Amino acid sequence: VLNLNLHNYNNVQKIVIVIPGEEENSYYDFLLEHCIAMSS
């Protein structure tokens, strides 16, 4: 996780995430299942 600012813990932030060795389809399915797809 990059660009994380813990001083604004309750505020929405742009966070860069890097996940090595992952398949795209399962990642997007995960986002949908957890209702966070539209944050991507």
PDB file of all heavy atoms in Angstrom:
ATOM      1  N   VAL A   1       0.854  -1.186   0.000  1.00  0.00           N
ATOM      2  CA  VAL A   1       0.000   0.000   0.000  1.00  0.00           C
ATOM      3  C   VAL A   1       0.889   1.236   0.000  1.00  0.00           C
ATOM      4  O   VAL A   1       1.762   1.375   0.845  1.00  0.00           O
ATOM      5  CB  VAL A   1      -0.934   0.004   1.235  1.00  0.00           C
ATOM      6  CG1 VAL A   1      -1.783   1.261   1.245  1.00  0.00           C
ATOM      7  CG2 VAL A   1      -1.809  -1.242   1.255  1.00  0.00           C
ATOM      8  N   LEU A   2       0.654   2.126  -0.962  1.00  0.00           N
ATOM      9  CA  LEU A   2       1.424   3.360  -1.092  1.00  0.00           C
ATOM     10  C   LEU A   2       0.492   4.558  -0.893  1.00  0.00           C
ATOM     11  O   LEU A   2      -0.712   4.453  -1.073  1.00  0.00           O
ATOM     12  CB  LEU A   2       2.064   3.431  -2.476  1.00  0.00           C
ATOM     13  CG  LEU A   2       2.924   2.223  -2.882  1.00  0.00           C
ATOM     14  CD1 LEU A   2       3.322   2.329  -4.345  1.00  0.00           C
ATOM     15  CD2 LEU A   2       4.143   2.111  -2.008  1.00  0.00           C
ATOM     16  N   ASN A   3       1.039   5.677  -0.545  1.00  0.00           N
ATOM     17  CA  ASN A   3       0.306   6.936  -0.375  1.00  0.00           C
ATOM     18  C   ASN A   3      -0.647   6.932   0.813  1.00  0.00           C
ATOM     19  O   ASN A   3      -1.595   7.700   0.831  1.00  0.00           O
ATOM     20  CB  ASN A   3      -0.484   7.309  -1.636  1.00  0.00           C
ATOM     21  CG  ASN A   3       0.392   7.544  -2.827  1.00  0.00           C
ATOM     22  OD1 ASN A   3       1.607   7.551  -2.735  1.00  0.00           O
ATOM     23  ND2 ASN A   3      -0.217   7.716  -3.968  1.00  0.00           N
ATOM     24  N   LEU A   4      -0.431   6.100   1.768  1.00  0.00           N
ATOM     25  CA  LEU A   4      -1.318   6.031   2.922  1.00  0.00           C
ATOM     26  C   LEU A   4      -0.985   7.154   3.893  1.00  0.00           C
ATOM     27  O   LEU A   4       0.157   7.345   4.270  1.00  0.00           O
ATOM     28  CB  LEU A   4      -1.166   4.677   3.617  1.00  0.00           C
ATOM     29  CG  LEU A   4      -2.039   4.430   4.835  1.00  0.00           C
ATOM     30  CD1 LEU A   4      -3.510   4.544   4.469  1.00  0.00           C
ATOM     31  CD2 LEU A   4      -1.744   3.058   5.413  1.00  0.00           C
ATOM     32  N   ASN A   5      -2.002   7.889   4.313  1.00  0.00           N
ATOM     33  CA  ASN A   5      -1.848   8.971   5.269  1.00  0.00           C
ATOM     34  C   ASN A   5      -2.669   8.618   6.501  1.00  0.00           C
ATOM     35  O   ASN A   5      -3.892   8.757   6.504  1.00  0.00           O
ATOM     36  CB  ASN A   5      -2.313  10.292   4.659  1.00  0.00           C
ATOM     37  CG  ASN A   5      -2.151  11.449   5.609  1.00  0.00           C
ATOM     38  OD1 ASN A   5      -1.812  11.283   6.779  1.00  0.00           O
ATOM     39  ND2 ASN A   5      -2.405  12.642   5.115  1.00  0.00           N
ATOM     40  N   LEU A   6      -2.026   8.171   7.546  1.00  0.00           N
ATOM     41  CA  LEU A   6      -2.738   7.744   8.744  1.00  0.00           C
ATOM     42  C   LEU A   6      -3.268   8.912   9.572  1.00  0.00           C
ATOM     43  O   LEU A   6      -4.059   8.711  10.476  1.00  0.00           O
ATOM     44  CB  LEU A   6      -1.845   6.851   9.596  1.00  0.00           C
ATOM     45  CG  LEU A   6      -1.487   5.513   8.952  1.00  0.00           C
ATOM     46  CD1 LEU A   6      -0.531   4.729   9.842  1.00  0.00           C
ATOM     47  CD2 LEU A   6      -2.726   4.694   8.656  1.00  0.00           C
ATOM     48  N   HIS A   7      -2.865  10.134   9.258  1.00  0.00           N
ATOM     49  CA  HIS A   7      -3.385  11.291   9.985  1.00  0.00           C
ATOM     50  C   HIS A   7      -4.850  11.547   9.637  1.00  0.00           C
ATOM     51  O   HIS A   7      -5.582  12.141  10.406  1.00  0.00           O
ATOM     52  CB  HIS A   7      -2.553  12.545   9.687  1.00  0.00           C
ATOM     53  CG  HIS A   7      -1.148  12.415  10.167  1.00  0.00           C
ATOM     54  ND1 HIS A   7      -0.817  12.363  11.514  1.00  0.00           N
ATOM     55  CD2 HIS A   7       0.020  12.294   9.495  1.00  0.00           C
ATOM     56  CE1 HIS A   7       0.488  12.228  11.633  1.00  0.00           C
ATOM     57  NE2 HIS A   7       1.022  12.185  10.433  1.00  0.00           N
ATOM     58  N   ASN A   8      -5.265  11.115   8.466  1.00  0.00           N
ATOM     59  CA  ASN A   8      -6.651  11.278   8.025  1.00  0.00           C
ATOM     60  C   ASN A   8      -7.313   9.902   7.930  1.00  0.00           C
ATOM     61  O   ASN A   8      -7.860   9.529   6.909  1.00  0.00           O
ATOM     62  CB  ASN A   8      -6.704  11.978   6.667  1.00  0.00           C
ATOM     63  CG  ASN A   8      -6.177  13.384   6.742  1.00  0.00           C
ATOM     64  OD1 ASN A   8      -6.446  14.092   7.704  1.00  0.00           O
ATOM     65  ND2 ASN A   8      -5.412  13.787   5.750  1.00  0.00           N
ATOM     66  N   TYR A   9      -7.280   9.181   9.010  1.00  0.00           N
ATOM     67  CA  TYR A   9      -7.696   7.779   9.031  1.00  0.00           C
ATOM     68  C   TYR A   9      -9.152   7.574   8.630  1.00  0.00           C
ATOM     69  O   TYR A   9      -9.505   6.550   8.086  1.00  0.00           O
ATOM     70  CB  TYR A   9      -7.450   7.205  10.435  1.00  0.00           C
ATOM     71  CG  TYR A   9      -7.452   5.711  10.491  1.00  0.00           C
ATOM     72  CD1 TYR A   9      -6.442   4.979   9.872  1.00  0.00           C
ATOM     73  CD2 TYR A   9      -8.462   5.029  11.150  1.00  0.00           C
ATOM     74  CE1 TYR A   9      -6.441   3.604   9.921  1.00  0.00           C
ATOM     75  CE2 TYR A   9      -8.467   3.645  11.204  1.00  0.00           C
ATOM     76  CZ  TYR A   9      -7.454   2.935  10.584  1.00  0.00           C
ATOM     77  OH  TYR A   9      -7.459   1.572  10.620  1.00  0.00           O
ATOM     78  N   ASN A  10     -10.023   8.534   8.888  1.00  0.00           N
ATOM     79  CA  ASN A  10     -11.437   8.388   8.579  1.00  0.00           C
ATOM     80  C   ASN A  10     -11.860   9.073   7.284  1.00  0.00           C
ATOM     81  O   ASN A  10     -13.036   9.074   6.949  1.00  0.00           O
ATOM     82  CB  ASN A  10     -12.293   8.918   9.738  1.00  0.00           C
ATOM     83  CG  ASN A  10     -12.177   8.032  10.954  1.00  0.00           C
ATOM     84  OD1 ASN A  10     -12.258   6.815  10.861  1.00  0.00           O
ATOM     85  ND2 ASN A  10     -11.967   8.635  12.100  1.00  0.00           N
ATOM     86  N   ASN A  11     -10.922   9.659   6.565  1.00  0.00           N
ATOM     87  CA  ASN A  11     -11.233  10.354   5.323  1.00  0.00           C
ATOM     88  C   ASN A  11     -10.877   9.492   4.117  1.00  0.00           C
ATOM     89  O   ASN A  11      -9.888   8.763   4.129  1.00  0.00           O
ATOM     90  CB  ASN A  11     -10.468  11.674   5.233  1.00  0.00           C
ATOM     91  CG  ASN A  11     -10.896  12.651   6.306  1.00  0.00           C
ATOM     92  OD1 ASN A  11     -12.028  12.624   6.776  1.00  0.00           O
ATOM     93  ND2 ASN A  11      -9.987  13.523   6.699  1.00  0.00           N
ATOM     94  N   VAL A  12     -11.679   9.619   3.074  1.00  0.00           N
ATOM     95  CA  VAL A  12     -11.395   8.910   1.830  1.00  0.00           C
ATOM     96  C   VAL A  12     -10.115   9.467   1.224  1.00  0.00           C
ATOM     97  O   VAL A  12      -9.922  10.679   1.168  1.00  0.00           O
ATOM     98  CB  VAL A  12     -12.574   9.061   0.844  1.00  0.00           C
ATOM     99  CG1 VAL A  12     -12.223   8.478  -0.511  1.00  0.00           C
ATOM    100  CG2 VAL A  12     -13.824   8.402   1.404  1.00  0.00           C
ATOM    101  N   GLN A  13      -9.260   8.553   0.776  1.00  0.00           N
ATOM    102  CA  GLN A  13      -7.973   8.929   0.195  1.00  0.00           C
ATOM    103  C   GLN A  13      -7.730   8.133  -1.075  1.00  0.00           C
ATOM    104  O   GLN A  13      -8.278   7.051  -1.251  1.00  0.00           O
ATOM    105  CB  GLN A  13      -6.836   8.615   1.161  1.00  0.00           C
ATOM    106  CG  GLN A  13      -6.912   9.325   2.475  1.00  0.00           C
ATOM    107  CD  GLN A  13      -5.784   8.880   3.402  1.00  0.00           C
ATOM    108  OE1 GLN A  13      -4.719   8.452   2.966  1.00  0.00           O
ATOM    109  NE2 GLN A  13      -6.022   8.973   4.693  1.00  0.00           N
ATOM    110  N   LYS A  14      -6.885   8.667  -1.941  1.00  0.00           N
ATOM    111  CA  LYS A  14      -6.409   7.902  -3.090  1.00  0.00           C
ATOM    112  C   LYS A  14      -5.233   7.075  -2.615  1.00  0.00           C
ATOM    113  O   LYS A  14      -4.207   7.613  -2.215  1.00  0.00           O
ATOM    114  CB  LYS A  14      -5.966   8.818  -4.225  1.00  0.00           C
ATOM    115  CG  LYS A  14      -7.084   9.429  -4.982  1.00  0.00           C
ATOM    116  CD  LYS A  14      -6.528  10.220  -6.157  1.00  0.00           C
ATOM    117  CE  LYS A  14      -7.630  10.883  -6.922  1.00  0.00           C
ATOM    118  NZ  LYS A  14      -7.116  11.656  -8.056  1.00  0.00           N
ATOM    119  N   ILE A  15      -5.396   5.770  -2.653  1.00  0.00           N
ATOM    120  CA  ILE A  15      -4.366   4.861  -2.176  1.00  0.00           C
ATOM    121  C   ILE A  15      -3.940   3.967  -3.333  1.00  0.00           C
ATOM    122  O   ILE A  15      -4.786   3.378  -4.006  1.00  0.00           O
ATOM    123  CB  ILE A  15      -4.892   4.008  -1.006  1.00  0.00           C
ATOM    124  CG1 ILE A  15      -5.270   4.915   0.159  1.00  0.00           C
ATOM    125  CG2 ILE A  15      -3.880   2.958  -0.590  1.00  0.00           C
ATOM    126  CD1 ILE A  15      -6.015   4.224   1.266  1.00  0.00           C
ATOM    127  N   VAL A  16      -2.658   3.882  -3.568  1.00  0.00           N
ATOM    128  CA  VAL A  16      -2.134   2.990  -4.596  1.00  0.00           C
ATOM    129  C   VAL A  16      -1.890   1.635  -3.959  1.00  0.00           C
ATOM    130  O   VAL A  16      -1.274   1.543  -2.892  1.00  0.00           O
ATOM    131  CB  VAL A  16      -0.821   3.540  -5.204  1.00  0.00           C
ATOM    132  CG1 VAL A  16      -0.259   2.573  -6.231  1.00  0.00           C
ATOM    133  CG2 VAL A  16      -1.054   4.919  -5.808  1.00  0.00           C
ATOM    134  N   ILE A  17      -2.397   0.594  -4.609  1.00  0.00           N
ATOM    135  CA  ILE A  17      -2.222  -0.753  -4.088  1.00  0.00           C
ATOM    136  C   ILE A  17      -1.523  -1.601  -5.144  1.00  0.00           C
ATOM    137  O   ILE A  17      -1.828  -1.500  -6.334  1.00  0.00           O
ATOM    138  CB  ILE A  17      -3.572  -1.362  -3.663  1.00  0.00           C
ATOM    139  CG1 ILE A  17      -3.351  -2.659  -2.940  1.00  0.00           C
ATOM    140  CG2 ILE A  17      -4.505  -1.536  -4.826  1.00  0.00           C
ATOM    141  CD1 ILE A  17      -4.525  -3.083  -2.098  1.00  0.00           C
ATOM    142  N   VAL A  18      -0.561  -2.394  -4.709  1.00  0.00           N
ATOM    143  CA  VAL A  18       0.191  -3.287  -5.588  1.00  0.00           C
ATOM    144  C   VAL A  18       0.027  -4.698  -5.039  1.00  0.00           C
ATOM    145  O   VAL A  18       0.326  -4.957  -3.872  1.00  0.00           O
ATOM    146  CB  VAL A  18       1.694  -2.897  -5.635  1.00  0.00           C
ATOM    147  CG1 VAL A  18       2.460  -3.845  -6.545  1.00  0.00           C
ATOM    148  CG2 VAL A  18       1.866  -1.444  -6.057  1.00  0.00           C
ATOM    149  N   ILE A  19      -0.485  -5.587  -5.891  1.00  0.00           N
ATOM    150  CA  ILE A  19      -0.697  -6.977  -5.480  1.00  0.00           C
ATOM    151  C   ILE A  19       0.079  -7.875  -6.444  1.00  0.00           C
ATOM    152  O   ILE A  19      -0.336  -8.086  -7.587  1.00  0.00           O
ATOM    153  CB  ILE A  19      -2.194  -7.350  -5.498  1.00  0.00           C
ATOM    154  CG1 ILE A  19      -2.999  -6.367  -4.649  1.00  0.00           C
ATOM    155  CG2 ILE A  19      -2.388  -8.775  -5.019  1.00  0.00           C
ATOM    156  CD1 ILE A  19      -4.493  -6.526  -4.769  1.00  0.00           C
ATOM    157  N   PRO A  20       1.213  -8.398  -6.002  1.00  0.00           N
ATOM    158  CA  PRO A  20       2.010  -9.255  -6.880  1.00  0.00           C
ATOM    159  C   PRO A  20       1.386 -10.643  -7.035  1.00  0.00           C
ATOM    160  O   PRO A  20       0.769 -11.162  -6.114  1.00  0.00           O
ATOM    161  CB  PRO A  20       3.368  -9.337  -6.181  1.00  0.00           C
ATOM    162  CG  PRO A  20       3.102  -8.987  -4.757  1.00  0.00           C
ATOM    163  CD  PRO A  20       1.867  -8.155  -4.722  1.00  0.00           C
ATOM    164  N   GLY A  21       1.532 -11.199  -8.234  1.00  0.00           N
ATOM    165  CA  GLY A  21       1.117 -12.572  -8.483  1.00  0.00           C
ATOM    166  C   GLY A  21      -0.379 -12.810  -8.411  1.00  0.00           C
ATOM    167  O   GLY A  21      -0.809 -13.871  -7.966  1.00  0.00           O
ATOM    168  N   GLU A  22      -1.174 -11.856  -8.860  1.00  0.00           N
ATOM    169  CA  GLU A  22      -2.630 -12.006  -8.781  1.00  0.00           C
ATOM    170  C   GLU A  22      -3.253 -11.948 -10.172  1.00  0.00           C
ATOM    171  O   GLU A  22      -2.782 -11.234 -11.045  1.00  0.00           O
ATOM    172  CB  GLU A  22      -3.237 -10.922  -7.894  1.00  0.00           C
ATOM    173  CG  GLU A  22      -4.716 -11.050  -7.689  1.00  0.00           C
ATOM    174  CD  GLU A  22      -5.136 -12.391  -7.120  1.00  0.00           C
ATOM    175  OE1 GLU A  22      -4.431 -12.930  -6.240  1.00  0.00           O
ATOM    176  OE2 GLU A  22      -6.165 -12.917  -7.562  1.00  0.00           O
ATOM    177  N   GLU A  23      -4.317 -12.681 -10.353  1.00  0.00           N
ATOM    178  CA  GLU A  23      -5.062 -12.726 -11.598  1.00  0.00           C
ATOM    179  C   GLU A  23      -6.132 -11.639 -11.580  1.00  0.00           C
ATOM    180  O   GLU A  23      -6.829 -11.480 -10.581  1.00  0.00           O
ATOM    181  CB  GLU A  23      -5.680 -14.126 -11.734  1.00  0.00           C
ATOM    182  CG  GLU A  23      -6.066 -14.508 -13.116  1.00  0.00           C
ATOM    183  CD  GLU A  23      -7.541 -14.221 -13.368  1.00  0.00           C
ATOM    184  OE1 GLU A  23      -8.346 -14.214 -12.438  1.00  0.00           O
ATOM    185  OE2 GLU A  23      -7.853 -13.987 -14.537  1.00  0.00           O
ATOM    186  N   GLU A  24      -6.252 -10.888 -12.656  1.00  0.00           N
ATOM    187  CA  GLU A  24      -7.168  -9.749 -12.708  1.00  0.00           C
ATOM    188  C   GLU A  24      -8.616 -10.115 -12.421  1.00  0.00           C
ATOM    189  O   GLU A  24      -9.296  -9.416 -11.689  1.00  0.00           O
ATOM    190  CB  GLU A  24      -7.100  -9.067 -14.079  1.00  0.00           C
ATOM    191  CG  GLU A  24      -5.992  -8.089 -14.232  1.00  0.00           C
ATOM    192  CD  GLU A  24      -6.119  -7.299 -15.522  1.00  0.00           C
ATOM    193  OE1 GLU A  24      -6.813  -7.734 -16.470  1.00  0.00           O
ATOM    194  OE2 GLU A  24      -5.514  -6.226 -15.579  1.00  0.00           O
ATOM    195  N   ASN A  25      -9.098 -11.181 -13.023  1.00  0.00           N
ATOM    196  CA  ASN A  25     -10.518 -11.526 -12.862  1.00  0.00           C
ATOM    197  C   ASN A  25     -10.879 -11.785 -11.408  1.00  0.00           C
ATOM    198  O   ASN A  25     -11.926 -11.349 -10.938  1.00  0.00           O
ATOM    199  CB  ASN A  25     -10.885 -12.726 -13.736  1.00  0.00           C
ATOM    200  CG  ASN A  25     -10.884 -12.369 -15.205  1.00  0.00           C
ATOM    201  OD1 ASN A  25     -11.119 -11.236 -15.585  1.00  0.00           O
ATOM    202  ND2 ASN A  25     -10.610 -13.355 -16.032  1.00  0.00           N
ATOM    203  N   SER A  26     -10.028 -12.481 -10.695  1.00  0.00           N
ATOM    204  CA  SER A  26     -10.342 -12.752  -9.289  1.00  0.00           C
ATOM    205  C   SER A  26     -10.279 -11.468  -8.461  1.00  0.00           C
ATOM    206  O   SER A  26     -11.049 -11.291  -7.523  1.00  0.00           O
ATOM    207  CB  SER A  26      -9.418 -13.820  -8.700  1.00  0.00           C
ATOM    208  OG  SER A  26      -8.090 -13.364  -8.635  1.00  0.00           O
ATOM    209  N   TYR A  27      -9.386 -10.546  -8.826  1.00  0.00           N
ATOM    210  CA  TYR A  27      -9.297  -9.259  -8.129  1.00  0.00           C
ATOM    211  C   TYR A  27     -10.579  -8.456  -8.328  1.00  0.00           C
ATOM    212  O   TYR A  27     -11.152  -7.939  -7.367  1.00  0.00           O
ATOM    213  CB  TYR A  27      -8.092  -8.469  -8.639  1.00  0.00           C
ATOM    214  CG  TYR A  27      -8.008  -7.050  -8.123  1.00  0.00           C
ATOM    215  CD1 TYR A  27      -7.740  -6.794  -6.780  1.00  0.00           C
ATOM    216  CD2 TYR A  27      -8.209  -5.968  -8.975  1.00  0.00           C
ATOM    217  CE1 TYR A  27      -7.665  -5.487  -6.299  1.00  0.00           C
ATOM    218  CE2 TYR A  27      -8.126  -4.667  -8.505  1.00  0.00           C
ATOM    219  CZ  TYR A  27      -7.861  -4.432  -7.163  1.00  0.00           C
ATOM    220  OH  TYR A  27      -7.785  -3.145  -6.694  1.00  0.00           O
ATOM    221  N   TYR A  28     -11.058  -8.367  -9.564  1.00  0.00           N
ATOM    222  CA  TYR A  28     -12.281  -7.602  -9.827  1.00  0.00           C
ATOM    223  C   TYR A  28     -13.498  -8.268  -9.191  1.00  0.00           C
ATOM    224  O   TYR A  28     -14.389  -7.582  -8.684  1.00  0.00           O
ATOM    225  CB  TYR A  28     -12.478  -7.391 -11.322  1.00  0.00           C
ATOM    226  CG  TYR A  28     -11.421  -6.489 -11.915  1.00  0.00           C
ATOM    227  CD1 TYR A  28     -10.656  -6.894 -12.988  1.00  0.00           C
ATOM    228  CD2 TYR A  28     -11.178  -5.227 -11.386  1.00  0.00           C
ATOM    229  CE1 TYR A  28      -9.676  -6.068 -13.525  1.00  0.00           C
ATOM    230  CE2 TYR A  28     -10.201  -4.397 -11.911  1.00  0.00           C
ATOM    231  CZ  TYR A  28      -9.458  -4.827 -12.983  1.00  0.00           C
ATOM    232  OH  TYR A  28      -8.492  -4.006 -13.495  1.00  0.00           O
ATOM    233  N   ASP A  29     -13.542  -9.589  -9.197  1.00  0.00           N
ATOM    234  CA  ASP A  29     -14.629 -10.297  -8.504  1.00  0.00           C
ATOM    235  C   ASP A  29     -14.598  -9.987  -7.009  1.00  0.00           C
ATOM    236  O   ASP A  29     -15.632  -9.759  -6.386  1.00  0.00           O
ATOM    237  CB  ASP A  29     -14.533 -11.806  -8.725  1.00  0.00           C
ATOM    238  CG  ASP A  29     -14.957 -12.226 -10.130  1.00  0.00           C
ATOM    239  OD1 ASP A  29     -15.607 -11.422 -10.836  1.00  0.00           O
ATOM    240  OD2 ASP A  29     -14.638 -13.363 -10.518  1.00  0.00           O
ATOM    241  N   PHE A  30     -13.407  -9.959  -6.437  1.00  0.00           N
ATOM    242  CA  PHE A  30     -13.245  -9.626  -5.019  1.00  0.00           C
ATOM    243  C   PHE A  30     -13.784  -8.218  -4.731  1.00  0.00           C
ATOM    244  O   PHE A  30     -14.508  -8.003  -3.755  1.00  0.00           O
ATOM    245  CB  PHE A  30     -11.772  -9.735  -4.617  1.00  0.00           C
ATOM    246  CG  PHE A  30     -11.465  -9.160  -3.276  1.00  0.00           C
ATOM    247  CD1 PHE A  30     -11.747  -9.867  -2.117  1.00  0.00           C
ATOM    248  CD2 PHE A  30     -10.888  -7.905  -3.153  1.00  0.00           C
ATOM    249  CE1 PHE A  30     -11.474  -9.326  -0.861  1.00  0.00           C
ATOM    250  CE2 PHE A  30     -10.612  -7.360  -1.912  1.00  0.00           C
ATOM    251  CZ  PHE A  30     -10.900  -8.075  -0.763  1.00  0.00           C
ATOM    252  N   LEU A  31     -13.437  -7.254  -5.583  1.00  0.00           N
ATOM    253  CA  LEU A  31     -13.921  -5.891  -5.392  1.00  0.00           C
ATOM    254  C   LEU A  31     -15.443  -5.839  -5.434  1.00  0.00           C
ATOM    255  O   LEU A  31     -16.071  -5.165  -4.613  1.00  0.00           O
ATOM    256  CB  LEU A  31     -13.339  -4.958  -6.460  1.00  0.00           C
ATOM    257  CG  LEU A  31     -11.834  -4.700  -6.429  1.00  0.00           C
ATOM    258  CD1 LEU A  31     -11.433  -3.780  -7.584  1.00  0.00           C
ATOM    259  CD2 LEU A  31     -11.393  -4.109  -5.106  1.00  0.00           C
ATOM    260  N   LEU A  32     -16.037  -6.565  -6.379  1.00  0.00           N
ATOM    261  CA  LEU A  32     -17.500  -6.599  -6.466  1.00  0.00           C
ATOM    262  C   LEU A  32     -18.118  -7.219  -5.220  1.00  0.00           C
ATOM    263  O   LEU A  32     -19.074  -6.682  -4.661  1.00  0.00           O
ATOM    264  CB  LEU A  32     -17.936  -7.421  -7.689  1.00  0.00           C
ATOM    265  CG  LEU A  32     -18.070  -6.690  -9.000  1.00  0.00           C
ATOM    266  CD1 LEU A  32     -18.412  -7.670 -10.112  1.00  0.00           C
ATOM    267  CD2 LEU A  32     -19.121  -5.605  -8.932  1.00  0.00           C
ATOM    268  N   GLU A  33     -17.591  -8.347  -4.813  1.00  0.00           N
ATOM    269  CA  GLU A  33     -18.136  -9.065  -3.660  1.00  0.00           C
ATOM    270  C   GLU A  33     -18.097  -8.228  -2.381  1.00  0.00           C
ATOM    271  O   GLU A  33     -18.924  -8.393  -1.499  1.00  0.00           O
ATOM    272  CB  GLU A  33     -17.388 -10.368  -3.441  1.00  0.00           C
ATOM    273  CG  GLU A  33     -17.664 -11.397  -4.510  1.00  0.00           C
ATOM    274  CD  GLU A  33     -16.721 -12.588  -4.441  1.00  0.00           C
ATOM    275  OE1 GLU A  33     -15.898 -12.674  -3.506  1.00  0.00           O
ATOM    276  OE2 GLU A  33     -16.798 -13.429  -5.358  1.00  0.00           O
ATOM    277  N   HIS A  34     -17.129  -7.333  -2.277  1.00  0.00           N
ATOM    278  CA  HIS A  34     -16.974  -6.518  -1.068  1.00  0.00           C
ATOM    279  C   HIS A  34     -17.462  -5.079  -1.254  1.00  0.00           C
ATOM    280  O   HIS A  34     -17.179  -4.208  -0.426  1.00  0.00           O
ATOM    281  CB  HIS A  34     -15.512  -6.557  -0.595  1.00  0.00           C
ATOM    282  CG  HIS A  34     -15.142  -7.885  -0.063  1.00  0.00           C
ATOM    283  ND1 HIS A  34     -14.705  -8.910  -0.878  1.00  0.00           N
ATOM    284  CD2 HIS A  34     -15.208  -8.397   1.185  1.00  0.00           C
ATOM    285  CE1 HIS A  34     -14.494  -9.975  -0.135  1.00  0.00           C
ATOM    286  NE2 HIS A  34     -14.795  -9.695   1.108  1.00  0.00           N
ATOM    287  N   CYS A  35     -18.196  -4.861  -2.348  1.00  0.00           N
ATOM    288  CA  CYS A  35     -18.835  -3.557  -2.617  1.00  0.00           C
ATOM    289  C   CYS A  35     -17.847  -2.402  -2.650  1.00  0.00           C
ATOM    290  O   CYS A  35     -18.165  -1.283  -2.220  1.00  0.00           O
ATOM    291  CB  CYS A  35     -19.931  -3.290  -1.596  1.00  0.00           C
ATOM    292  SG  CYS A  35     -21.189  -4.557  -1.562  1.00  0.00           S
ATOM    293  N   ILE A  36     -16.648  -2.658  -3.154  1.00  0.00           N
ATOM    294  CA  ILE A  36     -15.664  -1.578  -3.277  1.00  0.00           C
ATOM    295  C   ILE A  36     -15.177  -1.422  -4.723  1.00  0.00           C
ATOM    296  O   ILE A  36     -14.216  -0.706  -4.978  1.00  0.00           O
ATOM    297  CB  ILE A  36     -14.462  -1.762  -2.315  1.00  0.00           C
ATOM    298  CG1 ILE A  36     -13.807  -3.126  -2.501  1.00  0.00           C
ATOM    299  CG2 ILE A  36     -14.871  -1.527  -0.884  1.00  0.00           C
ATOM    300  CD1 ILE A  36     -12.559  -3.322  -1.653  1.00  0.00           C
ATOM    301  N   ALA A  37     -15.868  -2.047  -5.672  1.00  0.00           N
ATOM    302  CA  ALA A  37     -15.438  -1.995  -7.069  1.00  0.00           C
ATOM    303  C   ALA A  37     -15.433  -0.567  -7.610  1.00  0.00           C
ATOM    304  O   ALA A  37     -14.533  -0.184  -8.353  1.00  0.00           O
ATOM    305  CB  ALA A  37     -16.321  -2.895  -7.933  1.00  0.00           C
ATOM    306  N   MET A  38     -16.424   0.223  -7.243  1.00  0.00           N
ATOM    307  CA  MET A  38     -16.509   1.575  -7.775  1.00  0.00           C
ATOM    308  C   MET A  38     -15.471   2.515  -7.156  1.00  0.00           C
ATOM    309  O   MET A  38     -15.341   3.654  -7.580  1.00  0.00           O
ATOM    310  CB  MET A  38     -17.920   2.134  -7.596  1.00  0.00           C
ATOM    311  CG  MET A  38     -18.962   1.358  -8.391  1.00  0.00           C
ATOM    312  SD  MET A  38     -18.569   1.154 -10.148  1.00  0.00           S
ATOM    313  CE  MET A  38     -18.754   2.811 -10.730  1.00  0.00           C
ATOM    314  N   SER A  39     -14.709   2.037  -6.208  1.00  0.00           N
ATOM    315  CA  SER A  39     -13.615   2.843  -5.655  1.00  0.00           C
ATOM    316  C   SER A  39     -12.316   2.621  -6.428  1.00  0.00           C
ATOM    317  O   SER A  39     -11.322   3.282  -6.176  1.00  0.00           O
ATOM    318  CB  SER A  39     -13.395   2.508  -4.176  1.00  0.00           C
ATOM    319  OG  SER A  39     -12.875   1.205  -4.045  1.00  0.00           O
ATOM    320  N   SER A  40     -12.352   1.697  -7.385  1.00  0.00           N
ATOM    321  CA  SER A  40     -11.167   1.316  -8.148  1.00  0.00           C
ATOM    322  C   SER A  40     -11.085   2.067  -9.468  1.00  0.00           C
ATOM    323  O   SER A  40     -11.996   1.989 -10.303  1.00  0.00           O
ATOM    324  CB  SER A  40     -11.197  -0.192  -8.425  1.00  0.00           C
ATOM    325  OG  SER A  40     -10.280  -0.533  -9.443  1.00  0.00           O
TER     326      SER A  40
END
